[in-house]
Amino acid sequence: MDNESWACASVEKDLTRVVTKLEQLHENASADIGDIASLMSELVKVLGKAEQMVTTFNSSTQVSATPASGDDPMGDGVSMQVETEPTAPQRLTDRQMGIIREAILKCNERVQKLSTEHRDLHGSISKIGKAIDRNFSADFTSTMRVDVLQDEDNLMLLNKAIAKHYCRQGMDDVARTLIRECKMPEEHAQDVFDSEREFADIYGIWVKIQKRDLTDALKWAKTYSQQLSDRHSLIEFRLHQMRFMQLVSYGLESQREAIAYARLNFKKFAVRYEREIANLMASFIYLPSGLENSPYKLFLGQEMWTELSFIFLKDACQLLGISKNSALSVVVNAGCTALPALLNIKQVMQSRQVLGMWNGCDELPIEIDLQPEFRFHSIFACPILRQQTSEDNPPKKLTCGHVISNDALHKLSNGHILKCPYCPVEQNAEEAVRIYF
């Protein structure tokens, strides 16, 4: 296991431990909160009975007034008589007071327990950050060329890449603010919007597809219908397929509209997608019970719409010859992929005191294995000499179709005769032509 895998496994182990504690805390908290609710309910009942007893006691006290007798010494003509119970009951009985004290004590115990468990969990979470700092290097300055952005032209290129990224996302206001604050020249600012306008339109349609609005997507597919057909693209049929199922999902009241839509738009796909269209027509059988209870329920899920949006984005960008990812996102993602390898080689070079090899050239000291989606550069490595071609050593295509570098061509040639190292076919070395990737 390499260092990166070991570091990830170490952090993942601590993270798994925290997640387990969090799940246990959730279960315990749910149980404790349920117990507290039960205790509070019992307490409310006790207090309700106590209040009822006090009300009964007050109603048992009576006051009556009778006319005074002739022997009344006060002579006011009224006699007051008060009847009371021999002994007045207490407001709360000893049993009730005991229940209240027990409920309060148990509630305090549950709350204290939750507080302690929460405090322990907080401590475990803080340890994850320490584990990340311990297992991963936070100092990336050793892999940076700090002098690059000191050049005004390079800084302008960076600002231009950021502005283009915002334009691709439809955030023109943010791009204009950046252009204004960095004082970008007018010709560069105009290029930002002109170069990304086409993708911005595609991006807007992509967003609408995810919101289940196919109007603009269908218009775009109709405009480029012939080009899509020549490229054997599935996107036009998939768009009509989703629109048809969208109409069917509206219920019986939209059945006529769905049939009319199918007759109008599926005709051109009848030969190539005969089976798929037949399956779509069978969806009418499930209309009385609803598509959500049928095999066609997958068309109602957001996953289908998300998948359709990305298929549209990929096919549209390929058709128009533009990248579906901005230059900024590609650079950032590729840099994150390459960073662990760069940190490792930096440490090796530092221990062997050969750091000058890195700073003395414009290429990396090792080859970084990037995924295919990050490979854009027109760079050809000669399969014979294992070297990258350049202006001084350009790639040459032989008459047999194989490509080697110019230096390899001269080394393999015997006068004007060249034997291809792959076929092998004898040919004239002077007939090799330079190619451009």
Protein backbone atom coordinates (compact mmCIF):
# COMPACT_ATOMS: atom_id res chain seq x y z
CA MET A 1 0.00 0.00 0.00
CA ASP A 2 1.47 3.37 -1.02
CA ASN A 3 1.57 6.40 1.25
CA GLU A 4 -1.55 8.02 -0.22
CA SER A 5 -3.63 4.86 0.18
CA TRP A 6 -2.39 4.37 3.73
CA ALA A 7 -3.22 7.99 4.61
CA CYS A 8 -6.71 7.70 3.12
CA ALA A 9 -7.31 4.42 4.97
CA SER A 10 -6.20 5.99 8.25
CA VAL A 11 -8.51 8.98 7.90
CA GLU A 12 -11.35 6.76 6.71
CA LYS A 13 -10.95 4.59 9.81
CA ASP A 14 -11.34 7.62 12.10
CA LEU A 15 -14.29 8.84 10.02
CA THR A 16 -16.02 5.46 10.23
CA ARG A 17 -15.60 5.50 14.00
CA VAL A 18 -17.24 8.94 14.20
CA VAL A 19 -20.11 7.90 11.94
CA THR A 20 -20.74 4.85 14.14
CA LYS A 21 -20.80 7.05 17.24
CA LEU A 22 -23.16 9.46 15.54
CA GLU A 23 -25.57 6.65 14.66
CA GLN A 24 -25.44 5.36 18.24
CA LEU A 25 -26.04 8.86 19.57
CA HIS A 26 -29.04 9.22 17.27
CA GLU A 27 -30.53 5.96 18.54
CA ASN A 28 -29.85 6.79 22.19
CA ALA A 29 -31.14 10.33 21.83
CA SER A 30 -34.36 9.11 20.24
CA ALA A 31 -34.92 6.67 23.11
CA ASP A 32 -34.06 9.25 25.79
CA ILE A 33 -36.28 11.90 24.25
CA GLY A 34 -39.10 9.36 24.16
CA ASP A 35 -38.56 8.61 27.86
CA ILE A 36 -38.53 12.33 28.69
CA ALA A 37 -41.78 12.80 26.77
CA SER A 38 -43.37 9.95 28.73
CA LEU A 39 -42.21 11.43 32.04
CA MET A 40 -43.58 14.85 31.09
CA SER A 41 -46.89 13.26 30.12
CA GLU A 42 -47.08 11.54 33.52
CA LEU A 43 -46.19 14.81 35.23
CA VAL A 44 -48.99 16.64 33.41
CA LYS A 45 -51.45 13.99 34.58
CA VAL A 46 -50.33 14.36 38.22
CA LEU A 47 -50.63 18.13 38.12
CA GLY A 48 -54.06 17.81 36.49
CA LYS A 49 -55.33 15.59 39.31
CA ALA A 50 -53.93 18.02 41.91
CA GLU A 51 -55.71 20.94 40.28
CA GLN A 52 -58.95 18.96 40.19
CA MET A 53 -58.70 18.23 43.96
CA VAL A 54 -58.15 21.91 44.77
CA THR A 55 -61.19 22.85 42.68
CA THR A 56 -63.29 20.25 44.54
CA PHE A 57 -62.09 21.58 47.89
CA ASN A 58 -63.02 25.18 47.06
CA SER A 59 -66.48 24.20 45.91
CA SER A 60 -67.16 22.37 49.23
CA THR A 61 -66.86 25.67 51.23
CA GLN A 62 -70.32 27.38 51.51
CA VAL A 63 -71.38 30.78 52.87
CA SER A 64 -75.10 31.37 53.85
CA ALA A 65 -76.98 34.50 55.10
CA THR A 66 -80.20 34.31 57.29
CA PRO A 67 -82.35 37.04 58.87
CA ALA A 68 -81.34 38.02 62.41
CA SER A 69 -83.45 36.90 65.39
CA GLY A 70 -84.87 39.25 67.90
CA ASP A 71 -82.11 38.43 70.32
CA ASP A 72 -79.40 39.58 67.84
CA PRO A 73 -77.14 41.85 69.89
CA MET A 74 -75.68 43.45 66.75
CA GLY A 75 -79.08 44.55 65.63
CA ASP A 76 -78.10 44.58 61.93
CA GLY A 77 -80.76 42.05 60.97
CA VAL A 78 -78.41 39.61 59.17
CA SER A 79 -76.84 36.38 60.48
CA MET A 80 -73.67 34.96 58.72
CA GLN A 81 -72.99 31.22 58.85
CA VAL A 82 -69.86 29.60 57.31
CA GLU A 83 -69.70 25.82 56.73
CA THR A 84 -66.26 24.33 56.14
CA GLU A 85 -64.81 20.86 55.93
CA PRO A 86 -63.33 19.63 59.16
CA THR A 87 -59.84 19.42 57.55
CA ALA A 88 -58.71 20.96 54.22
CA PRO A 89 -56.72 18.61 51.94
CA GLN A 90 -53.14 19.46 50.97
CA ARG A 91 -52.53 20.97 47.48
CA LEU A 92 -50.28 17.97 46.51
CA THR A 93 -50.17 14.66 48.29
CA ASP A 94 -46.92 13.01 49.32
CA ARG A 95 -47.33 10.45 46.53
CA GLN A 96 -47.80 13.17 43.93
CA MET A 97 -44.76 15.07 45.19
CA GLY A 98 -42.75 11.86 44.95
CA ILE A 99 -43.83 11.30 41.33
CA ILE A 100 -42.86 14.89 40.42
CA ARG A 101 -39.46 14.62 42.09
CA GLU A 102 -38.76 11.30 40.36
CA ALA A 103 -39.78 12.70 36.95
CA ILE A 104 -37.56 15.75 37.34
CA LEU A 105 -34.64 13.61 38.49
CA LYS A 106 -34.99 11.23 35.54
CA CYS A 107 -35.28 14.13 33.06
CA ASN A 108 -32.10 15.69 34.44
CA GLU A 109 -30.30 12.35 34.15
CA ARG A 110 -31.39 11.92 30.51
CA VAL A 111 -30.37 15.48 29.59
CA GLN A 112 -27.01 15.08 31.32
CA LYS A 113 -26.43 11.82 29.46
CA LEU A 114 -27.22 13.43 26.08
CA SER A 115 -24.93 16.34 26.89
CA THR A 116 -22.05 14.02 27.78
CA GLU A 117 -22.46 11.89 24.64
CA HIS A 118 -22.66 15.00 22.47
CA ARG A 119 -19.47 16.37 24.05
CA ASP A 120 -17.67 13.08 23.40
CA LEU A 121 -18.83 13.10 19.77
CA HIS A 122 -17.59 16.65 19.30
CA GLY A 123 -14.17 15.57 20.53
CA SER A 124 -14.10 12.67 18.06
CA ILE A 125 -15.04 14.98 15.18
CA SER A 126 -12.21 17.36 16.04
CA LYS A 127 -9.79 14.41 15.87
CA ILE A 128 -10.64 13.90 12.18
CA GLY A 129 -9.14 17.28 11.33
CA LYS A 130 -6.02 16.37 13.26
CA ALA A 131 -5.83 13.03 11.44
CA ILE A 132 -6.06 14.81 8.07
CA ASP A 133 -3.31 17.23 9.08
CA ARG A 134 -1.19 14.34 10.32
CA ASN A 135 -1.57 12.15 7.24
CA PHE A 136 -1.68 14.73 4.47
CA SER A 137 0.64 17.58 3.68
CA ALA A 138 -0.96 20.99 3.99
CA ASP A 139 2.03 22.81 2.52
CA PHE A 140 1.62 22.91 -1.26
CA THR A 141 3.97 25.80 -1.80
CA SER A 142 6.83 23.39 -2.52
CA THR A 143 5.11 22.36 -5.77
CA MET A 144 4.28 25.89 -6.91
CA ARG A 145 6.02 28.22 -9.31
CA VAL A 146 5.50 31.44 -7.37
CA ASP A 147 7.12 33.47 -10.12
CA VAL A 148 4.51 32.52 -12.72
CA LEU A 149 1.79 34.94 -11.62
CA GLN A 150 4.24 37.79 -11.25
CA ASP A 151 4.13 38.15 -15.00
CA GLU A 152 1.31 40.46 -16.13
CA ASP A 153 0.52 38.38 -19.22
CA ASN A 154 0.17 35.16 -17.18
CA LEU A 155 -2.04 36.93 -14.64
CA MET A 156 -4.25 38.21 -17.45
CA LEU A 157 -4.53 34.69 -18.87
CA LEU A 158 -5.66 33.42 -15.47
CA ASN A 159 -8.28 36.17 -15.14
CA LYS A 160 -9.43 35.39 -18.67
CA ALA A 161 -9.81 31.68 -17.86
CA ILE A 162 -11.85 32.50 -14.74
CA ALA A 163 -14.08 34.92 -16.69
CA LYS A 164 -14.66 32.29 -19.40
CA HIS A 165 -15.64 29.78 -16.73
CA TYR A 166 -18.31 32.15 -15.42
CA CYS A 167 -19.58 32.81 -18.94
CA ARG A 168 -19.97 29.07 -19.55
CA GLN A 169 -22.13 28.85 -16.43
CA GLY A 170 -24.36 31.69 -17.64
CA MET A 171 -23.00 34.07 -14.97
CA ASP A 172 -22.27 36.97 -17.31
CA ASP A 173 -22.68 39.59 -14.57
CA VAL A 174 -19.94 37.99 -12.47
CA ALA A 175 -17.67 37.75 -15.53
CA ARG A 176 -18.20 41.44 -16.36
CA THR A 177 -17.42 42.42 -12.76
CA LEU A 178 -14.17 40.44 -12.88
CA ILE A 179 -13.23 41.96 -16.24
CA ARG A 180 -13.87 45.46 -14.91
CA GLU A 181 -11.97 44.99 -11.66
CA CYS A 182 -8.91 43.38 -13.28
CA LYS A 183 -8.93 46.07 -16.01
CA MET A 184 -8.89 43.52 -18.81
CA PRO A 185 -8.26 45.02 -22.27
CA GLU A 186 -11.29 45.35 -24.53
CA GLU A 187 -10.10 42.81 -27.11
CA HIS A 188 -9.58 40.16 -24.41
CA ALA A 189 -12.94 40.94 -22.81
CA GLN A 190 -14.74 40.58 -26.14
CA ASP A 191 -13.00 37.26 -26.79
CA VAL A 192 -14.26 35.98 -23.41
CA PHE A 193 -17.90 36.38 -24.44
CA ASP A 194 -17.50 35.47 -28.12
CA SER A 195 -15.63 32.23 -27.45
CA GLU A 196 -18.02 30.98 -24.76
CA ARG A 197 -21.35 32.21 -26.14
CA GLU A 198 -22.01 28.98 -27.99
CA PHE A 199 -21.41 26.86 -24.92
CA ALA A 200 -23.49 29.22 -22.76
CA ASP A 201 -26.49 28.47 -24.99
CA ILE A 202 -25.85 24.73 -24.65
CA TYR A 203 -25.48 25.10 -20.90
CA GLY A 204 -28.83 26.92 -20.68
CA ILE A 205 -30.54 24.05 -22.52
CA TRP A 206 -28.78 21.56 -20.23
CA VAL A 207 -30.20 23.31 -17.17
CA LYS A 208 -33.72 23.32 -18.66
CA ILE A 209 -33.57 19.58 -19.42
CA GLN A 210 -32.79 18.89 -15.77
CA LYS A 211 -35.89 20.97 -14.94
CA ARG A 212 -37.89 18.76 -17.37
CA ASP A 213 -38.31 21.49 -19.97
CA LEU A 214 -37.52 20.09 -23.43
CA THR A 215 -38.72 22.98 -25.59
CA ASP A 216 -35.32 24.51 -26.39
CA ALA A 217 -33.61 21.11 -26.57
CA LEU A 218 -36.06 19.88 -29.22
CA LYS A 219 -35.58 23.09 -31.24
CA TRP A 220 -31.82 22.63 -31.09
CA ALA A 221 -32.09 18.96 -32.14
CA LYS A 222 -34.30 19.93 -35.08
CA THR A 223 -31.76 22.54 -36.21
CA TYR A 224 -28.88 20.04 -36.16
CA SER A 225 -30.94 16.97 -37.10
CA GLN A 226 -28.92 16.03 -40.19
CA GLN A 227 -25.55 16.45 -38.46
CA LEU A 228 -26.74 14.34 -35.52
CA SER A 229 -27.96 11.64 -37.90
CA ASP A 230 -24.62 11.61 -39.73
CA ARG A 231 -22.84 11.09 -36.41
CA HIS A 232 -25.30 8.32 -35.40
CA SER A 233 -26.19 10.28 -32.29
CA LEU A 234 -28.99 9.01 -30.05
CA ILE A 235 -29.86 12.37 -28.54
CA GLU A 236 -32.62 13.45 -30.94
CA PHE A 237 -34.58 10.23 -30.48
CA ARG A 238 -33.99 10.29 -26.72
CA LEU A 239 -35.40 13.81 -26.50
CA HIS A 240 -38.54 12.84 -28.43
CA GLN A 241 -38.80 9.68 -26.32
CA MET A 242 -38.79 11.66 -23.06
CA ARG A 243 -41.25 14.22 -24.40
CA PHE A 244 -43.62 11.43 -25.46
CA MET A 245 -43.43 9.75 -22.04
CA GLN A 246 -43.90 13.13 -20.40
CA LEU A 247 -47.20 13.53 -22.27
CA VAL A 248 -48.27 9.97 -21.41
CA SER A 249 -47.54 10.61 -17.72
CA TYR A 250 -50.17 13.35 -17.67
CA GLY A 251 -52.89 10.69 -17.79
CA LEU A 252 -55.84 9.76 -19.99
CA GLU A 253 -56.66 13.38 -20.81
CA SER A 254 -53.33 13.68 -22.70
CA GLN A 255 -53.61 10.39 -24.58
CA ARG A 256 -54.70 11.98 -27.88
CA GLU A 257 -51.91 14.54 -27.68
CA ALA A 258 -49.33 11.80 -27.04
CA ILE A 259 -50.53 9.76 -30.02
CA ALA A 260 -50.42 12.81 -32.29
CA TYR A 261 -46.90 13.61 -31.08
CA ALA A 262 -45.74 10.04 -31.78
CA ARG A 263 -47.18 10.09 -35.32
CA LEU A 264 -45.49 13.39 -36.06
CA ASN A 265 -42.02 12.78 -34.60
CA PHE A 266 -41.36 9.03 -34.55
CA LYS A 267 -41.84 8.50 -38.27
CA LYS A 268 -38.21 9.30 -39.15
CA PHE A 269 -36.94 6.88 -36.46
CA ALA A 270 -39.22 3.95 -37.37
CA VAL A 271 -36.55 1.85 -39.06
CA ARG A 272 -33.69 2.36 -36.64
CA TYR A 273 -35.72 2.34 -33.42
CA GLU A 274 -38.65 0.11 -34.33
CA ARG A 275 -38.48 -1.99 -31.17
CA GLU A 276 -38.05 1.02 -28.87
CA ILE A 277 -41.05 2.79 -30.41
CA ALA A 278 -43.19 -0.34 -30.02
CA ASN A 279 -42.28 -0.47 -26.32
CA LEU A 280 -43.24 3.18 -25.94
CA MET A 281 -46.65 2.58 -27.51
CA ALA A 282 -47.32 -0.20 -25.01
CA SER A 283 -47.27 2.37 -22.21
CA PHE A 284 -50.89 3.30 -23.04
CA ILE A 285 -51.99 -0.01 -21.49
CA TYR A 286 -51.01 1.26 -18.03
CA LEU A 287 -52.74 4.65 -18.27
CA PRO A 288 -55.86 3.63 -16.27
CA SER A 289 -53.76 2.51 -13.28
CA GLY A 290 -51.05 5.16 -13.72
CA LEU A 291 -47.45 4.90 -14.94
CA GLU A 292 -46.12 5.02 -11.37
CA ASN A 293 -47.43 1.45 -10.95
CA SER A 294 -45.97 0.16 -14.23
CA PRO A 295 -42.61 -0.85 -15.74
CA TYR A 296 -42.48 2.67 -17.22
CA LYS A 297 -42.16 4.35 -13.82
CA LEU A 298 -38.43 4.87 -14.41
CA PHE A 299 -39.34 7.60 -16.90
CA LEU A 300 -40.90 9.54 -14.03
CA GLY A 301 -37.70 9.61 -11.96
CA GLN A 302 -35.22 12.47 -11.98
CA GLU A 303 -32.39 10.06 -12.79
CA MET A 304 -33.60 9.68 -16.38
CA TRP A 305 -33.72 13.45 -16.86
CA THR A 306 -30.26 13.93 -15.39
CA GLU A 307 -28.83 11.21 -17.64
CA LEU A 308 -30.54 12.76 -20.67
CA SER A 309 -29.12 16.20 -19.87
CA PHE A 310 -25.55 14.89 -19.75
CA ILE A 311 -25.99 12.92 -22.98
CA PHE A 312 -27.21 16.12 -24.62
CA LEU A 313 -24.27 18.10 -23.23
CA LYS A 314 -21.74 15.55 -24.49
CA ASP A 315 -23.24 15.16 -27.98
CA ALA A 316 -23.82 18.88 -28.44
CA CYS A 317 -20.27 19.77 -27.48
CA GLN A 318 -18.84 17.09 -29.76
CA LEU A 319 -20.98 18.30 -32.64
CA LEU A 320 -19.95 21.93 -32.20
CA GLY A 321 -16.31 21.06 -31.51
CA ILE A 322 -16.16 22.62 -28.05
CA SER A 323 -15.11 21.23 -24.69
CA LYS A 324 -17.84 20.39 -22.21
CA ASN A 325 -15.50 21.39 -19.37
CA SER A 326 -13.99 24.83 -18.91
CA ALA A 327 -10.23 25.24 -19.02
CA LEU A 328 -10.28 26.34 -15.39
CA SER A 329 -12.10 23.21 -14.17
CA VAL A 330 -9.81 20.95 -16.19
CA VAL A 331 -6.68 22.57 -14.77
CA VAL A 332 -7.97 22.40 -11.19
CA ASN A 333 -9.08 18.75 -11.46
CA ALA A 334 -5.89 17.68 -13.19
CA GLY A 335 -3.83 19.53 -10.60
CA CYS A 336 -5.63 17.78 -7.74
CA THR A 337 -4.93 14.43 -9.42
CA ALA A 338 -1.26 15.21 -9.90
CA LEU A 339 -0.63 16.84 -6.51
CA PRO A 340 0.10 13.66 -4.44
CA ALA A 341 2.69 12.48 -6.98
CA LEU A 342 4.30 15.93 -7.10
CA LEU A 343 4.60 16.08 -3.31
CA ASN A 344 6.25 12.66 -3.23
CA ILE A 345 8.78 13.44 -5.95
CA LYS A 346 9.51 16.78 -4.29
CA GLN A 347 10.46 15.00 -1.08
CA VAL A 348 12.66 12.53 -2.98
CA MET A 349 14.41 15.30 -4.89
CA GLN A 350 14.90 17.31 -1.72
CA SER A 351 16.47 14.36 0.10
CA ARG A 352 18.85 13.76 -2.83
CA GLN A 353 19.56 17.48 -3.21
CA VAL A 354 18.59 17.65 -6.88
CA LEU A 355 15.87 20.31 -6.66
CA GLY A 356 17.59 22.31 -9.40
CA MET A 357 16.34 19.79 -11.97
CA TRP A 358 12.76 20.90 -11.29
CA ASN A 359 13.37 24.64 -11.43
CA GLY A 360 15.65 24.48 -14.43
CA CYS A 361 13.10 23.30 -17.01
CA ASP A 362 9.49 23.91 -18.05
CA GLU A 363 8.35 20.31 -17.65
CA LEU A 364 7.71 17.99 -14.72
CA PRO A 365 10.47 15.61 -13.63
CA ILE A 366 8.11 12.62 -13.76
CA GLU A 367 5.19 11.51 -15.90
CA ILE A 368 1.77 12.07 -14.29
CA ASP A 369 -0.84 9.46 -15.19
CA LEU A 370 -3.97 11.51 -15.89
CA GLN A 371 -7.31 10.14 -16.98
CA PRO A 372 -8.23 10.39 -20.70
CA GLU A 373 -10.61 13.32 -20.19
CA PHE A 374 -7.65 15.45 -19.08
CA ARG A 375 -5.56 14.81 -22.20
CA PHE A 376 -5.90 17.73 -24.58
CA HIS A 377 -2.38 18.77 -25.54
CA SER A 378 -1.05 18.19 -29.03
CA ILE A 379 1.99 16.31 -27.76
CA PHE A 380 3.41 13.20 -29.40
CA ALA A 381 5.97 10.98 -27.73
CA CYS A 382 8.17 9.06 -30.13
CA PRO A 383 7.68 5.30 -29.58
CA ILE A 384 11.28 4.67 -30.68
CA LEU A 385 13.29 7.21 -28.66
CA ARG A 386 10.69 7.63 -25.88
CA GLN A 387 10.92 11.41 -26.17
CA GLN A 388 8.33 14.10 -26.68
CA THR A 389 8.44 15.77 -30.06
CA SER A 390 9.06 19.50 -30.38
CA GLU A 391 9.62 22.17 -33.02
CA ASP A 392 13.22 21.04 -33.36
CA ASN A 393 12.21 17.38 -33.40
CA PRO A 394 8.76 17.22 -35.03
CA PRO A 395 6.69 14.05 -35.61
CA LYS A 396 6.91 12.50 -39.09
CA LYS A 397 4.39 10.23 -40.74
CA LEU A 398 5.83 7.41 -42.85
CA THR A 399 4.24 6.21 -46.06
CA CYS A 400 3.03 3.08 -44.29
CA GLY A 401 1.07 5.26 -41.82
CA HIS A 402 3.22 4.88 -38.70
CA VAL A 403 4.53 7.98 -36.92
CA ILE A 404 7.97 8.48 -35.40
CA SER A 405 10.06 11.51 -34.46
CA ASN A 406 12.38 13.26 -36.88
CA ASP A 407 15.43 12.21 -34.84
CA ALA A 408 14.32 8.56 -34.96
CA LEU A 409 13.79 8.90 -38.70
CA HIS A 410 17.42 9.97 -39.25
CA LYS A 411 18.80 7.29 -36.92
CA LEU A 412 16.85 4.50 -38.64
CA SER A 413 17.55 5.67 -42.18
CA ASN A 414 20.28 4.07 -44.26
CA GLY A 415 20.81 6.77 -46.83
CA HIS A 416 17.40 7.26 -48.45
CA ILE A 417 16.15 3.82 -47.47
CA LEU A 418 14.08 3.46 -44.30
CA LYS A 419 12.70 0.25 -42.92
CA CYS A 420 9.65 0.88 -40.70
CA PRO A 421 10.31 -0.48 -37.21
CA TYR A 422 6.73 -1.73 -36.99
CA CYS A 423 5.58 -3.12 -40.36
CA PRO A 424 8.39 -3.49 -41.54
CA VAL A 425 8.03 -1.84 -44.98
CA GLU A 426 10.94 -0.39 -46.89
CA GLN A 427 10.34 3.15 -48.11
CA ASN A 428 12.01 6.39 -49.01
CA ALA A 429 12.85 8.39 -45.90
CA GLU A 430 12.39 11.66 -47.77
CA GLU A 431 8.71 10.82 -48.39
CA ALA A 432 7.93 11.10 -44.67
CA VAL A 433 5.83 14.20 -43.97
CA ARG A 434 5.46 16.29 -40.87
CA ILE A 435 2.12 16.03 -39.11
CA TYR A 436 0.40 18.27 -36.60
CA PHE A 437 -1.70 17.03 -33.70
